[in-house]
Amino acid sequence: MITPPSESPSGVLLVDKDPGFTSHDAVALCRRVLNTRKVGHCGTLDPMATGMLIVVVGKATRFQDRLMSEDKVYTGTMQLGIETNSQDAEGEVVATKPTAGITEENIRRAFEHFHTAFDQVPPMFSAVKINGVPCYKLARRGEEVQRKPRRVRVLDYSITRIDLPGAQVDFSVHCTKGFYVRTYAHDIGQLLGCGAHLTALRRIKSGHFDIAQAITVPELKSASRQQMIARLIPVDQLVPSTP
């Protein structure tokens, strides 16, 4: 039985998503444990990605769009020299190119090229809809369709490791809403002339929320209703992040 509205919990639950644990899984689990239907999430993470998933409960659902519009910070790893059809490690390899001529200076210049506002084309394996149909469904049928570019911005970035023998780069990126990090990796690979795809991705910040505040998936799965309610960030604390 669903709890009466007067007793229904409200707030934001920050979840540290594991690989393979989906946004739908988090919402379904919260609905069951909290015994309420009014649960949503702010911004889907790719299946292989980890990190912050914002779950909104009760009255907090009214802030869903505003929370989704805030800047995000990610850490990631890209593999140079290999392109996939999904632009990440879950896709099929579609091209391989040598990386022997790529230098650390080349890589740093490529990252700096995207330290600005630019138009980014969403990948085919995405939830962007074309005539009401998600692109990923079309991609699974082998179809390729035109997608409208989106204006995005890299507010800051850092390169934390360059492994040239292994052709791998670790980085962090602070970006605006609607930003695809796997497309960022793909586009940097295109600029370098060797191609690239994303092999790891973790969301560590969204607006003023930090991953350190998040509950882990094992904790989430074992939490009681009262324990989960105790982890909710109250609705009145969401106002500073949603001017």
Protein backbone atom coordinates (compact mmCIF):
# COMPACT_ATOMS: atom_id res chain seq x y z
CA MET A 1 0.00 0.00 0.00
CA ILE A 2 1.30 3.50 -0.92
CA THR A 3 1.67 5.88 2.01
CA PRO A 4 -0.83 8.77 2.29
CA PRO A 5 0.40 12.09 0.79
CA SER A 6 0.75 13.67 4.25
CA GLU A 7 3.22 10.96 5.24
CA SER A 8 5.08 10.73 1.95
CA PRO A 9 8.80 11.58 2.17
CA SER A 10 10.31 14.40 0.13
CA GLY A 11 13.87 15.35 -0.75
CA VAL A 12 16.88 14.42 -2.84
CA LEU A 13 18.81 11.19 -2.53
CA LEU A 14 22.30 11.14 -4.02
CA VAL A 15 23.28 7.68 -5.25
CA ASP A 16 26.81 6.58 -6.18
CA LYS A 17 25.87 4.44 -9.18
CA ASP A 18 27.73 1.21 -9.91
CA PRO A 19 28.40 -0.10 -13.44
CA GLY A 20 25.32 -1.92 -14.71
CA PHE A 21 23.03 -0.37 -12.07
CA THR A 22 20.66 1.81 -14.06
CA SER A 23 18.70 4.96 -13.29
CA HIS A 24 15.55 2.84 -13.59
CA ASP A 25 16.93 0.41 -11.01
CA ALA A 26 17.56 3.25 -8.55
CA VAL A 27 14.09 4.74 -9.01
CA ALA A 28 12.37 1.36 -8.70
CA LEU A 29 14.29 0.50 -5.54
CA CYS A 30 13.54 3.87 -3.92
CA ARG A 31 9.84 3.56 -4.77
CA ARG A 32 9.67 0.15 -3.16
CA VAL A 33 11.62 0.97 0.01
CA LEU A 34 10.09 4.42 0.54
CA ASN A 35 6.64 3.09 -0.35
CA THR A 36 5.83 6.01 -2.64
CA ARG A 37 5.34 6.36 -6.41
CA LYS A 38 6.54 9.96 -6.67
CA VAL A 39 10.19 9.27 -7.45
CA GLY A 40 12.28 10.41 -10.43
CA HIS A 41 15.89 11.04 -11.39
CA CYS A 42 17.91 13.90 -12.84
CA GLY A 43 20.12 12.95 -15.75
CA THR A 44 20.72 9.38 -16.91
CA LEU A 45 24.21 7.91 -16.70
CA ASP A 46 25.38 5.43 -19.34
CA PRO A 47 25.35 1.77 -18.17
CA MET A 48 29.14 1.56 -17.86
CA ALA A 49 29.38 4.89 -16.01
CA THR A 50 29.62 5.31 -12.25
CA GLY A 51 29.06 8.18 -9.87
CA MET A 52 26.38 10.63 -8.92
CA LEU A 53 22.78 9.94 -9.77
CA ILE A 54 20.31 12.46 -8.33
CA VAL A 55 17.04 10.83 -7.25
CA VAL A 56 14.16 13.19 -6.44
CA VAL A 57 11.37 12.14 -4.10
CA GLY A 58 7.98 13.68 -3.38
CA LYS A 59 7.93 17.48 -3.50
CA ALA A 60 11.55 17.49 -4.74
CA THR A 61 10.32 16.26 -8.13
CA ARG A 62 9.21 19.83 -8.90
CA PHE A 63 12.92 20.76 -9.00
CA GLN A 64 13.81 17.97 -11.43
CA ASP A 65 14.29 20.12 -14.53
CA ARG A 66 16.29 22.77 -12.69
CA LEU A 67 18.59 20.21 -11.07
CA MET A 68 19.17 18.61 -14.48
CA SER A 69 20.18 21.97 -15.93
CA GLU A 70 23.13 22.47 -13.59
CA ASP A 71 26.79 22.05 -14.51
CA LYS A 72 28.44 18.66 -14.05
CA VAL A 73 31.98 17.45 -13.34
CA TYR A 74 33.20 14.09 -14.65
CA THR A 75 36.41 12.09 -14.59
CA GLY A 76 37.15 9.75 -17.45
CA THR A 77 39.64 7.72 -19.45
CA MET A 78 39.91 7.70 -23.23
CA GLN A 79 41.63 5.16 -25.44
CA LEU A 80 43.31 6.68 -28.48
CA GLY A 81 43.54 4.86 -31.81
CA ILE A 82 40.25 2.95 -31.56
CA GLU A 83 36.76 4.16 -32.50
CA THR A 84 33.51 2.41 -31.56
CA ASN A 85 29.98 2.87 -32.84
CA SER A 86 28.78 3.98 -29.37
CA GLN A 87 31.87 6.14 -28.70
CA ASP A 88 32.55 4.11 -25.54
CA ALA A 89 33.85 0.67 -24.54
CA GLU A 90 30.42 -0.96 -24.79
CA GLY A 91 30.21 -0.50 -28.55
CA GLU A 92 31.65 -2.36 -31.51
CA VAL A 93 35.01 -1.33 -32.92
CA VAL A 94 34.52 0.47 -36.23
CA ALA A 95 38.03 1.84 -36.88
CA THR A 96 41.61 1.53 -35.66
CA LYS A 97 44.43 3.92 -36.45
CA PRO A 98 48.09 4.17 -35.40
CA THR A 99 49.01 6.46 -32.50
CA ALA A 100 52.80 6.33 -32.81
CA GLY A 101 53.00 9.92 -34.04
CA ILE A 102 50.83 11.38 -31.27
CA THR A 103 52.74 13.47 -28.73
CA GLU A 104 51.82 14.80 -25.31
CA GLU A 105 51.84 18.29 -26.79
CA ASN A 106 49.34 17.18 -29.48
CA ILE A 107 47.02 15.84 -26.79
CA ARG A 108 47.20 18.98 -24.66
CA ARG A 109 46.47 21.17 -27.69
CA ALA A 110 43.47 19.03 -28.61
CA PHE A 111 41.99 19.38 -25.12
CA GLU A 112 42.60 23.12 -25.16
CA HIS A 113 40.79 23.37 -28.50
CA PHE A 114 37.58 22.30 -26.72
CA HIS A 115 38.07 24.58 -23.70
CA THR A 116 35.30 26.84 -24.95
CA ALA A 117 31.69 26.86 -26.14
CA PHE A 118 31.11 24.66 -29.19
CA ASP A 119 28.44 22.67 -31.01
CA GLN A 120 28.33 18.99 -30.10
CA VAL A 121 26.36 16.41 -32.09
CA PRO A 122 24.70 13.83 -29.79
CA PRO A 123 25.79 10.25 -30.53
CA MET A 124 23.49 7.80 -32.27
CA PHE A 125 23.51 5.64 -29.14
CA SER A 126 21.66 8.22 -27.05
CA ALA A 127 18.16 8.95 -25.74
CA VAL A 128 17.76 11.92 -28.11
CA LYS A 129 14.52 11.43 -30.03
CA ILE A 130 14.06 11.73 -33.79
CA ASN A 131 10.37 11.88 -34.74
CA GLY A 132 9.55 10.48 -31.31
CA VAL A 133 11.96 7.53 -31.55
CA PRO A 134 15.09 7.40 -29.34
CA CYS A 135 18.27 7.38 -31.40
CA TYR A 136 19.61 4.28 -29.67
CA LYS A 137 16.68 2.26 -31.02
CA LEU A 138 17.43 3.43 -34.54
CA ALA A 139 21.14 2.70 -34.04
CA ARG A 140 20.37 -0.86 -32.93
CA ARG A 141 18.52 -1.31 -36.24
CA GLY A 142 21.60 -0.13 -38.07
CA GLU A 143 20.10 3.23 -39.00
CA GLU A 144 22.05 6.50 -39.02
CA VAL A 145 20.07 9.76 -38.90
CA GLN A 146 20.94 13.42 -38.69
CA ARG A 147 21.02 14.86 -35.15
CA LYS A 148 20.86 18.54 -34.36
CA PRO A 149 24.03 19.95 -32.79
CA ARG A 150 23.76 21.27 -29.24
CA ARG A 151 25.64 24.26 -27.90
CA VAL A 152 27.69 23.09 -24.93
CA ARG A 153 30.64 24.48 -23.01
CA VAL A 154 33.71 23.14 -21.23
CA LEU A 155 34.10 25.41 -18.23
CA ASP A 156 37.29 23.74 -17.03
CA TYR A 157 39.28 20.57 -17.55
CA SER A 158 42.46 18.85 -16.42
CA ILE A 159 44.61 16.06 -17.83
CA THR A 160 45.73 13.80 -14.99
CA ARG A 161 47.60 11.07 -16.90
CA ILE A 162 48.98 10.57 -20.39
CA ASP A 163 50.19 7.05 -21.21
CA LEU A 164 51.55 7.23 -24.73
CA PRO A 165 52.74 3.63 -25.00
CA GLY A 166 49.24 2.57 -24.00
CA ALA A 167 47.60 5.49 -25.86
CA GLN A 168 45.41 6.32 -22.87
CA VAL A 169 44.49 9.67 -21.30
CA ASP A 170 42.87 10.29 -17.91
CA PHE A 171 41.07 13.60 -17.55
CA SER A 172 38.40 15.57 -15.72
CA VAL A 173 35.92 17.93 -17.34
CA HIS A 174 33.55 20.55 -15.89
CA CYS A 175 30.79 21.05 -18.43
CA THR A 176 27.31 22.43 -19.01
CA LYS A 177 24.07 20.45 -19.29
CA GLY A 178 23.47 18.14 -22.25
CA PHE A 179 27.19 17.38 -22.58
CA TYR A 180 28.21 13.93 -23.83
CA VAL A 181 31.63 13.01 -22.44
CA ARG A 182 31.98 10.07 -24.82
CA THR A 183 31.40 12.44 -27.74
CA TYR A 184 34.00 14.77 -26.20
CA ALA A 185 36.50 11.87 -26.23
CA HIS A 186 35.48 10.96 -29.78
CA ASP A 187 35.88 14.54 -31.02
CA ILE A 188 39.31 14.89 -29.40
CA GLY A 189 40.33 11.68 -31.16
CA GLN A 190 39.08 13.08 -34.46
CA LEU A 191 41.10 16.27 -33.95
CA LEU A 192 44.20 14.19 -33.20
CA GLY A 193 43.58 12.17 -36.37
CA CYS A 194 43.76 8.80 -34.63
CA GLY A 195 40.25 8.41 -33.25
CA ALA A 196 39.34 7.60 -29.65
CA HIS A 197 36.64 6.19 -27.42
CA LEU A 198 35.74 6.47 -23.75
CA THR A 199 36.71 3.52 -21.54
CA ALA A 200 35.71 4.87 -18.11
CA LEU A 201 33.39 7.61 -16.86
CA ARG A 202 32.47 8.84 -13.38
CA ARG A 203 30.24 11.80 -12.45
CA ILE A 204 31.64 13.41 -9.31
CA LYS A 205 29.67 16.67 -9.06
CA SER A 206 26.34 18.08 -10.16
CA GLY A 207 25.61 21.67 -9.20
CA HIS A 208 26.56 22.04 -5.54
CA PHE A 209 26.16 18.31 -4.84
CA ASP A 210 29.34 16.25 -4.43
CA ILE A 211 29.86 12.49 -4.76
CA ALA A 212 31.09 12.43 -1.14
CA GLN A 213 27.45 13.01 -0.09
CA ALA A 214 26.16 9.99 -2.01
CA ILE A 215 24.94 6.65 -0.73
CA THR A 216 26.53 3.57 -2.31
CA VAL A 217 24.46 0.98 -4.14
CA PRO A 218 25.12 -1.75 -1.50
CA GLU A 219 24.00 0.72 1.20
CA LEU A 220 20.95 1.60 -0.86
CA LYS A 221 19.99 -2.05 -1.34
CA SER A 222 20.23 -2.82 2.37
CA ALA A 223 18.66 0.42 3.69
CA SER A 224 15.40 0.45 5.60
CA ARG A 225 12.70 3.03 4.89
CA GLN A 226 13.76 5.16 7.86
CA GLN A 227 17.45 4.93 6.93
CA MET A 228 16.68 6.04 3.39
CA ILE A 229 14.51 8.93 4.64
CA ALA A 230 17.38 10.01 6.91
CA ARG A 231 19.64 10.31 3.84
CA LEU A 232 17.23 12.59 1.95
CA ILE A 233 18.38 16.18 1.45
CA PRO A 234 15.38 18.38 2.42
CA VAL A 235 13.55 20.35 -0.24
CA ASP A 236 14.38 23.70 1.40
CA GLN A 237 18.09 23.00 0.86
CA LEU A 238 17.57 22.74 -2.90
CA VAL A 239 16.71 26.43 -3.31
CA PRO A 240 20.35 27.72 -3.34
CA SER A 241 21.14 25.42 -6.29
CA THR A 242 18.05 26.44 -8.24
CA PRO A 243 18.00 30.26 -8.55
